[in-house]
Amino acid sequence: MRLRGPRITLFTLLTLFTLLSACGKPPPRPTDITTIPTNAPDAAVAPVEVGPKVAAGSWKVGPGEFPVPSDADEGTQMMHDDITFSIPRTRDEIYEQLLAKLKTDGFIVDDEKFIMGGHRMNIHHGPQSYYVSVTENGETTLMTITVK
């Protein structure tokens, strides 16, 4: 009885070895490999412009005729009537320019608070009311506009 276990184990090992060695060799390596030197100087490449540069303080018309920075994206419809724009500049820069633009265009800021890392404002212009939030999102700014 004692020898039966080791014989099966030895037989199993020999069978596995035979199967593995009979499976064949790995495919041959191609001989036409091109070596690219890593120390070669890069070809002169002109920088690629991602989009037109927008001067600070230029604006486009947003939801409900509310001013939106020209370098903002097209905006994303959020829950209810919220539209969020991503702007590739700092929150405080956008906020200061927005306040100046609102004053110039006759918008009235009824309420203004800095809450949870963002500027929150209730604004009206004539009969139209807006709730606007200007917050940081990494290296960009999110401006959310709700037309009431």
N, C-alpha and C. Protein backbone atom coordinates (compact mmCIF):
# COMPACT_ATOMS: atom_id res chain seq x y z
N MET A 1 0.80 -1.20 0.00
CA MET A 1 0.00 0.00 0.00
C MET A 1 0.85 1.27 0.00
N ARG A 2 1.90 1.28 0.69
CA ARG A 2 2.71 2.48 0.80
C ARG A 2 3.32 2.89 -0.53
N LEU A 3 3.66 1.96 -1.36
CA LEU A 3 4.32 2.27 -2.61
C LEU A 3 3.35 2.75 -3.68
N ARG A 4 2.10 2.46 -3.50
CA ARG A 4 1.12 2.86 -4.52
C ARG A 4 1.03 4.37 -4.68
N GLY A 5 0.98 5.13 -3.60
CA GLY A 5 0.92 6.58 -3.65
C GLY A 5 2.12 7.18 -4.39
N PRO A 6 3.35 6.81 -4.03
CA PRO A 6 4.50 7.37 -4.74
C PRO A 6 4.56 6.97 -6.21
N ARG A 7 4.11 5.74 -6.57
CA ARG A 7 4.13 5.32 -7.96
C ARG A 7 3.19 6.20 -8.79
N ILE A 8 2.01 6.50 -8.24
CA ILE A 8 1.06 7.35 -8.96
C ILE A 8 1.64 8.76 -9.10
N THR A 9 2.24 9.24 -8.10
CA THR A 9 2.83 10.57 -8.14
C THR A 9 3.97 10.60 -9.15
N LEU A 10 4.83 9.58 -9.14
CA LEU A 10 5.93 9.52 -10.09
C LEU A 10 5.40 9.37 -11.50
N PHE A 11 4.39 8.54 -11.69
CA PHE A 11 3.78 8.36 -13.01
C PHE A 11 3.15 9.67 -13.49
N THR A 12 2.46 10.33 -12.58
CA THR A 12 1.83 11.62 -12.93
C THR A 12 2.88 12.64 -13.33
N LEU A 13 3.97 12.72 -12.60
CA LEU A 13 5.03 13.66 -12.92
C LEU A 13 5.68 13.35 -14.26
N LEU A 14 5.93 12.08 -14.53
CA LEU A 14 6.51 11.70 -15.81
C LEU A 14 5.57 12.02 -16.96
N THR A 15 4.27 11.80 -16.77
CA THR A 15 3.29 12.11 -17.81
C THR A 15 3.25 13.61 -18.08
N LEU A 16 3.21 14.41 -17.03
CA LEU A 16 3.20 15.86 -17.20
C LEU A 16 4.46 16.34 -17.90
N PHE A 17 5.61 15.80 -17.53
CA PHE A 17 6.86 16.19 -18.16
C PHE A 17 6.85 15.86 -19.64
N THR A 18 6.36 14.67 -19.98
CA THR A 18 6.29 14.26 -21.38
C THR A 18 5.35 15.16 -22.16
N LEU A 19 4.20 15.48 -21.58
CA LEU A 19 3.24 16.35 -22.28
C LEU A 19 3.82 17.75 -22.49
N LEU A 20 4.45 18.27 -21.47
CA LEU A 20 5.00 19.62 -21.58
C LEU A 20 6.14 19.68 -22.59
N SER A 21 6.97 18.69 -22.61
CA SER A 21 8.08 18.71 -23.55
C SER A 21 7.62 18.42 -24.98
N ALA A 22 6.49 17.74 -25.14
CA ALA A 22 5.99 17.41 -26.47
C ALA A 22 5.13 18.53 -27.07
N CYS A 23 4.80 19.53 -26.27
CA CYS A 23 3.93 20.61 -26.75
C CYS A 23 4.59 21.45 -27.83
N GLY A 24 5.83 21.36 -27.98
CA GLY A 24 6.50 22.12 -29.03
C GLY A 24 7.29 23.26 -28.45
N LYS A 25 8.03 23.86 -29.31
CA LYS A 25 8.88 24.96 -28.91
C LYS A 25 8.16 26.27 -29.16
N PRO A 26 8.59 27.35 -28.52
CA PRO A 26 7.97 28.64 -28.80
C PRO A 26 8.22 29.03 -30.25
N PRO A 27 7.33 29.85 -30.81
CA PRO A 27 7.51 30.24 -32.22
C PRO A 27 8.82 30.99 -32.39
N PRO A 28 9.42 30.85 -33.58
CA PRO A 28 10.70 31.53 -33.79
C PRO A 28 10.52 33.04 -33.77
N ARG A 29 11.54 33.73 -33.32
CA ARG A 29 11.51 35.19 -33.28
C ARG A 29 11.73 35.72 -34.69
N PRO A 30 11.03 36.80 -35.03
CA PRO A 30 11.25 37.37 -36.36
C PRO A 30 12.67 37.92 -36.46
N THR A 31 13.22 37.81 -37.64
CA THR A 31 14.60 38.27 -37.83
C THR A 31 14.65 39.67 -38.43
N ASP A 32 13.50 40.21 -38.82
CA ASP A 32 13.49 41.52 -39.45
C ASP A 32 13.06 42.63 -38.48
N ILE A 33 13.51 42.57 -37.26
CA ILE A 33 13.17 43.58 -36.26
C ILE A 33 14.00 44.82 -36.51
N THR A 34 13.33 45.97 -36.54
CA THR A 34 14.01 47.24 -36.74
C THR A 34 14.28 47.85 -35.37
N THR A 35 15.50 48.23 -35.14
CA THR A 35 15.87 48.85 -33.88
C THR A 35 15.80 50.36 -34.03
N ILE A 36 15.09 50.99 -33.11
CA ILE A 36 14.96 52.44 -33.12
C ILE A 36 15.85 52.99 -32.03
N PRO A 37 16.81 53.81 -32.40
CA PRO A 37 17.71 54.34 -31.36
C PRO A 37 16.95 55.29 -30.44
N THR A 38 17.22 55.17 -29.16
CA THR A 38 16.53 56.02 -28.20
C THR A 38 17.27 57.32 -27.93
N ASN A 39 18.51 57.41 -28.39
CA ASN A 39 19.26 58.62 -28.14
C ASN A 39 19.25 59.56 -29.35
N ALA A 40 18.43 59.25 -30.36
CA ALA A 40 18.35 60.11 -31.54
C ALA A 40 17.61 61.39 -31.18
N PRO A 41 18.06 62.54 -31.69
CA PRO A 41 17.35 63.79 -31.38
C PRO A 41 15.98 63.80 -32.03
N ASP A 42 15.03 64.38 -31.33
CA ASP A 42 13.67 64.48 -31.87
C ASP A 42 13.66 65.44 -33.04
N ALA A 43 12.81 65.13 -34.01
CA ALA A 43 12.64 66.04 -35.13
C ALA A 43 11.95 67.30 -34.61
N ALA A 44 12.24 68.41 -35.23
CA ALA A 44 11.62 69.66 -34.81
C ALA A 44 10.13 69.58 -35.08
N VAL A 45 9.36 69.67 -34.02
CA VAL A 45 7.91 69.57 -34.13
C VAL A 45 7.31 70.87 -33.63
N ALA A 46 6.48 71.46 -34.45
CA ALA A 46 5.82 72.70 -34.05
C ALA A 46 4.75 72.39 -33.01
N PRO A 47 4.58 73.22 -32.00
CA PRO A 47 3.53 72.97 -31.01
C PRO A 47 2.16 73.03 -31.66
N VAL A 48 1.28 72.17 -31.19
CA VAL A 48 -0.07 72.11 -31.73
C VAL A 48 -0.98 73.02 -30.91
N GLU A 49 -1.69 73.88 -31.56
CA GLU A 49 -2.64 74.76 -30.88
C GLU A 49 -3.92 73.96 -30.62
N VAL A 50 -4.38 73.94 -29.40
CA VAL A 50 -5.58 73.19 -29.05
C VAL A 50 -6.83 73.94 -29.48
N GLY A 51 -6.82 75.19 -29.37
CA GLY A 51 -7.98 75.99 -29.75
C GLY A 51 -7.59 77.44 -29.75
N PRO A 52 -8.47 78.28 -30.18
CA PRO A 52 -8.12 79.70 -30.22
C PRO A 52 -7.97 80.25 -28.81
N LYS A 53 -7.00 81.10 -28.63
CA LYS A 53 -6.81 81.76 -27.34
C LYS A 53 -7.92 82.79 -27.18
N VAL A 54 -8.48 82.82 -25.99
CA VAL A 54 -9.58 83.75 -25.73
C VAL A 54 -9.08 84.80 -24.76
N ALA A 55 -9.27 86.02 -25.11
CA ALA A 55 -8.86 87.11 -24.23
C ALA A 55 -9.73 87.11 -22.99
N ALA A 56 -9.09 87.34 -21.85
CA ALA A 56 -9.84 87.42 -20.60
C ALA A 56 -10.88 88.52 -20.72
N GLY A 57 -12.07 88.23 -20.31
CA GLY A 57 -13.13 89.23 -20.34
C GLY A 57 -13.99 89.17 -21.58
N SER A 58 -13.76 88.21 -22.49
CA SER A 58 -14.67 88.07 -23.63
C SER A 58 -15.77 87.09 -23.24
N TRP A 59 -16.96 87.36 -23.73
CA TRP A 59 -18.15 86.64 -23.28
C TRP A 59 -19.00 86.18 -24.43
N LYS A 60 -19.81 85.17 -24.15
CA LYS A 60 -20.84 84.72 -25.09
C LYS A 60 -22.15 84.66 -24.33
N VAL A 61 -23.24 84.57 -25.06
CA VAL A 61 -24.56 84.55 -24.43
C VAL A 61 -24.88 83.12 -24.00
N GLY A 62 -25.26 82.98 -22.73
CA GLY A 62 -25.59 81.68 -22.19
C GLY A 62 -27.08 81.53 -21.97
N PRO A 63 -27.49 80.60 -21.13
CA PRO A 63 -28.91 80.34 -20.88
C PRO A 63 -29.60 81.57 -20.29
N GLY A 64 -30.76 81.88 -20.79
CA GLY A 64 -31.53 83.02 -20.29
C GLY A 64 -30.82 84.34 -20.51
N GLU A 65 -29.98 84.42 -21.54
CA GLU A 65 -29.22 85.64 -21.86
C GLU A 65 -28.17 85.97 -20.80
N PHE A 66 -27.77 84.98 -19.99
CA PHE A 66 -26.75 85.20 -18.97
C PHE A 66 -25.37 85.12 -19.61
N PRO A 67 -24.44 86.02 -19.23
CA PRO A 67 -23.11 85.99 -19.84
C PRO A 67 -22.28 84.79 -19.36
N VAL A 68 -21.61 84.16 -20.33
CA VAL A 68 -20.74 83.01 -20.06
C VAL A 68 -19.39 83.31 -20.70
N PRO A 69 -18.28 83.02 -20.01
CA PRO A 69 -16.97 83.26 -20.61
C PRO A 69 -16.83 82.55 -21.96
N SER A 70 -16.18 83.22 -22.90
CA SER A 70 -16.04 82.68 -24.26
C SER A 70 -15.24 81.39 -24.30
N ASP A 71 -14.35 81.17 -23.34
CA ASP A 71 -13.56 79.94 -23.36
C ASP A 71 -14.24 78.79 -22.62
N ALA A 72 -15.49 78.96 -22.25
CA ALA A 72 -16.25 77.88 -21.62
C ALA A 72 -16.66 76.86 -22.68
N ASP A 73 -16.87 75.62 -22.25
CA ASP A 73 -17.35 74.61 -23.19
C ASP A 73 -18.81 74.87 -23.53
N GLU A 74 -19.45 73.96 -24.25
CA GLU A 74 -20.83 74.15 -24.69
C GLU A 74 -21.84 74.05 -23.55
N GLY A 75 -21.42 73.51 -22.43
CA GLY A 75 -22.31 73.36 -21.29
C GLY A 75 -22.96 71.99 -21.27
N THR A 76 -23.26 71.52 -20.06
CA THR A 76 -23.89 70.22 -19.87
C THR A 76 -25.18 70.41 -19.10
N GLN A 77 -26.27 69.88 -19.64
CA GLN A 77 -27.56 69.96 -18.97
C GLN A 77 -27.53 69.05 -17.75
N MET A 78 -27.79 69.61 -16.60
CA MET A 78 -27.79 68.84 -15.36
C MET A 78 -29.25 68.62 -14.94
N MET A 79 -29.45 68.27 -13.69
CA MET A 79 -30.81 68.06 -13.19
C MET A 79 -31.61 69.35 -13.30
N HIS A 80 -32.87 69.18 -13.53
CA HIS A 80 -33.81 70.29 -13.62
C HIS A 80 -33.37 71.26 -14.72
N ASP A 81 -33.18 72.52 -14.39
CA ASP A 81 -32.83 73.52 -15.39
C ASP A 81 -31.38 73.98 -15.28
N ASP A 82 -30.55 73.25 -14.54
CA ASP A 82 -29.15 73.64 -14.36
C ASP A 82 -28.34 73.32 -15.62
N ILE A 83 -27.47 74.26 -16.00
CA ILE A 83 -26.51 74.02 -17.07
C ILE A 83 -25.14 74.36 -16.51
N THR A 84 -24.19 73.42 -16.62
CA THR A 84 -22.86 73.59 -16.08
C THR A 84 -21.84 73.74 -17.20
N PHE A 85 -21.03 74.78 -17.10
CA PHE A 85 -19.99 75.06 -18.07
C PHE A 85 -18.63 74.82 -17.43
N SER A 86 -17.71 74.23 -18.17
CA SER A 86 -16.34 74.04 -17.71
C SER A 86 -15.47 75.09 -18.37
N ILE A 87 -14.66 75.76 -17.56
CA ILE A 87 -13.83 76.87 -18.04
C ILE A 87 -12.39 76.61 -17.61
N PRO A 88 -11.43 76.64 -18.55
CA PRO A 88 -10.04 76.29 -18.22
C PRO A 88 -9.24 77.41 -17.56
N ARG A 89 -9.82 78.03 -16.55
CA ARG A 89 -9.13 79.08 -15.79
C ARG A 89 -9.52 78.93 -14.33
N THR A 90 -8.90 79.74 -13.47
CA THR A 90 -9.14 79.60 -12.03
C THR A 90 -10.51 80.17 -11.62
N ARG A 91 -11.01 79.62 -10.54
CA ARG A 91 -12.31 80.03 -10.02
C ARG A 91 -12.35 81.52 -9.70
N ASP A 92 -11.36 82.01 -8.98
CA ASP A 92 -11.39 83.40 -8.55
C ASP A 92 -11.25 84.37 -9.72
N GLU A 93 -10.48 83.99 -10.72
CA GLU A 93 -10.35 84.82 -11.93
C GLU A 93 -11.70 84.94 -12.63
N ILE A 94 -12.39 83.81 -12.79
CA ILE A 94 -13.71 83.80 -13.43
C ILE A 94 -14.69 84.62 -12.60
N TYR A 95 -14.67 84.42 -11.30
CA TYR A 95 -15.61 85.10 -10.41
C TYR A 95 -15.45 86.62 -10.49
N GLU A 96 -14.21 87.11 -10.40
CA GLU A 96 -13.97 88.56 -10.46
C GLU A 96 -14.41 89.14 -11.80
N GLN A 97 -14.10 88.46 -12.89
CA GLN A 97 -14.49 88.94 -14.21
C GLN A 97 -16.01 88.91 -14.38
N LEU A 98 -16.64 87.87 -13.83
CA LEU A 98 -18.09 87.77 -13.92
C LEU A 98 -18.77 88.92 -13.17
N LEU A 99 -18.29 89.22 -11.97
CA LEU A 99 -18.88 90.34 -11.22
C LEU A 99 -18.77 91.65 -11.99
N ALA A 100 -17.60 91.89 -12.60
CA ALA A 100 -17.42 93.12 -13.39
C ALA A 100 -18.37 93.13 -14.59
N LYS A 101 -18.51 91.99 -15.26
CA LYS A 101 -19.40 91.91 -16.44
C LYS A 101 -20.85 92.13 -16.02
N LEU A 102 -21.26 91.52 -14.91
CA LEU A 102 -22.64 91.69 -14.44
C LEU A 102 -22.94 93.15 -14.14
N LYS A 103 -22.00 93.81 -13.48
CA LYS A 103 -22.20 95.23 -13.15
C LYS A 103 -22.30 96.06 -14.42
N THR A 104 -21.41 95.80 -15.38
CA THR A 104 -21.42 96.55 -16.65
C THR A 104 -22.73 96.36 -17.41
N ASP A 105 -23.27 95.13 -17.39
CA ASP A 105 -24.48 94.82 -18.15
C ASP A 105 -25.78 95.08 -17.39
N GLY A 106 -25.69 95.61 -16.18
CA GLY A 106 -26.89 95.97 -15.44
C GLY A 106 -27.55 94.83 -14.67
N PHE A 107 -26.84 93.72 -14.46
CA PHE A 107 -27.37 92.64 -13.63
C PHE A 107 -27.21 93.05 -12.17
N ILE A 108 -28.12 92.60 -11.32
CA ILE A 108 -28.07 92.94 -9.89
C ILE A 108 -27.86 91.66 -9.09
N VAL A 109 -26.80 91.65 -8.28
CA VAL A 109 -26.52 90.51 -7.42
C VAL A 109 -27.28 90.72 -6.12
N ASP A 110 -28.34 89.91 -5.91
CA ASP A 110 -29.19 90.05 -4.73
C ASP A 110 -28.57 89.42 -3.49
N ASP A 111 -27.89 88.30 -3.67
CA ASP A 111 -27.31 87.57 -2.55
C ASP A 111 -26.03 86.89 -3.04
N GLU A 112 -25.01 86.92 -2.21
CA GLU A 112 -23.72 86.38 -2.61
C GLU A 112 -23.06 85.74 -1.40
N LYS A 113 -22.65 84.46 -1.53
CA LYS A 113 -22.02 83.74 -0.43
C LYS A 113 -20.89 82.88 -0.97
N PHE A 114 -19.92 82.62 -0.10
CA PHE A 114 -18.87 81.65 -0.42
C PHE A 114 -19.12 80.44 0.46
N ILE A 115 -19.61 79.36 -0.15
CA ILE A 115 -20.00 78.16 0.59
C ILE A 115 -19.36 76.95 -0.06
N MET A 116 -18.79 76.06 0.75
CA MET A 116 -18.23 74.79 0.29
C MET A 116 -17.31 74.97 -0.92
N GLY A 117 -16.42 75.93 -0.84
CA GLY A 117 -15.42 76.12 -1.88
C GLY A 117 -15.90 76.79 -3.15
N GLY A 118 -17.08 77.38 -3.11
CA GLY A 118 -17.59 78.02 -4.31
C GLY A 118 -18.36 79.29 -4.02
N HIS A 119 -18.39 80.15 -5.01
CA HIS A 119 -19.17 81.39 -4.93
C HIS A 119 -20.60 81.09 -5.38
N ARG A 120 -21.59 81.41 -4.56
CA ARG A 120 -23.00 81.18 -4.87
C ARG A 120 -23.70 82.53 -4.91
N MET A 121 -24.46 82.76 -5.97
CA MET A 121 -25.09 84.07 -6.14
C MET A 121 -26.52 83.94 -6.64
N ASN A 122 -27.40 84.76 -6.06
CA ASN A 122 -28.74 84.97 -6.60
C ASN A 122 -28.69 86.30 -7.34
N ILE A 123 -29.07 86.28 -8.60
CA ILE A 123 -28.91 87.45 -9.47
C ILE A 123 -30.22 87.69 -10.21
N HIS A 124 -30.51 88.95 -10.51
CA HIS A 124 -31.64 89.21 -11.40
C HIS A 124 -31.26 90.30 -12.40
N HIS A 125 -31.95 90.26 -13.52
CA HIS A 125 -31.76 91.24 -14.60
C HIS A 125 -33.13 91.46 -15.20
N GLY A 126 -33.72 92.58 -14.89
CA GLY A 126 -35.11 92.80 -15.30
C GLY A 126 -35.98 91.78 -14.60
N PRO A 127 -36.90 91.14 -15.33
CA PRO A 127 -37.78 90.15 -14.70
C PRO A 127 -37.13 88.78 -14.53
N GLN A 128 -35.96 88.58 -15.13
CA GLN A 128 -35.30 87.26 -15.12
C GLN A 128 -34.43 87.09 -13.89
N SER A 129 -34.53 85.91 -13.23
CA SER A 129 -33.70 85.60 -12.06
C SER A 129 -32.80 84.41 -12.37
N TYR A 130 -31.64 84.40 -11.72
CA TYR A 130 -30.65 83.35 -11.93
C TYR A 130 -30.05 82.93 -10.59
N TYR A 131 -29.68 81.67 -10.50
CA TYR A 131 -28.85 81.19 -9.40
C TYR A 131 -27.57 80.71 -10.07
N VAL A 132 -26.43 81.27 -9.65
CA VAL A 132 -25.16 80.97 -10.30
C VAL A 132 -24.16 80.49 -9.26
N SER A 133 -23.44 79.44 -9.61
CA SER A 133 -22.41 78.88 -8.75
C SER A 133 -21.10 78.83 -9.54
N VAL A 134 -20.01 79.31 -8.93
CA VAL A 134 -18.69 79.29 -9.56
C VAL A 134 -17.78 78.51 -8.62
N THR A 135 -17.38 77.29 -9.02
CA THR A 135 -16.60 76.40 -8.16
C THR A 135 -15.37 75.87 -8.88
N GLU A 136 -14.42 75.38 -8.09
CA GLU A 136 -13.20 74.77 -8.65
C GLU A 136 -13.47 73.31 -8.97
N ASN A 137 -12.79 72.84 -10.02
CA ASN A 137 -12.82 71.42 -10.38
C ASN A 137 -11.44 71.06 -10.90
N GLY A 138 -10.51 70.82 -9.99
CA GLY A 138 -9.14 70.56 -10.40
C GLY A 138 -8.53 71.85 -10.93
N GLU A 139 -8.05 71.80 -12.17
CA GLU A 139 -7.43 72.96 -12.79
C GLU A 139 -8.43 73.81 -13.57
N THR A 140 -9.68 73.43 -13.54
CA THR A 140 -10.70 74.18 -14.27
C THR A 140 -11.73 74.74 -13.29
N THR A 141 -12.63 75.53 -13.82
CA THR A 141 -13.72 76.11 -13.03
C THR A 141 -15.03 75.63 -13.61
N LEU A 142 -15.97 75.31 -12.74
CA LEU A 142 -17.33 74.98 -13.18
C LEU A 142 -18.24 76.14 -12.84
N MET A 143 -18.98 76.59 -13.83
CA MET A 143 -19.98 77.64 -13.60
C MET A 143 -21.34 77.05 -13.92
N THR A 144 -22.17 76.93 -12.89
CA THR A 144 -23.50 76.37 -13.05
C THR A 144 -24.52 77.49 -13.00
N ILE A 145 -25.40 77.51 -13.99
CA ILE A 145 -26.42 78.56 -14.09
C ILE A 145 -27.78 77.91 -14.07
N THR A 146 -28.64 78.40 -13.18
CA THR A 146 -30.03 77.98 -13.15
C THR A 146 -30.88 79.22 -13.45
N VAL A 147 -31.64 79.13 -14.52
CA VAL A 147 -32.54 80.24 -14.87
C VAL A 147 -33.85 79.96 -14.18
N LYS A 148 -34.31 80.93 -13.36
CA LYS A 148 -35.55 80.74 -12.59
C LYS A 148 -36.72 81.33 -13.33
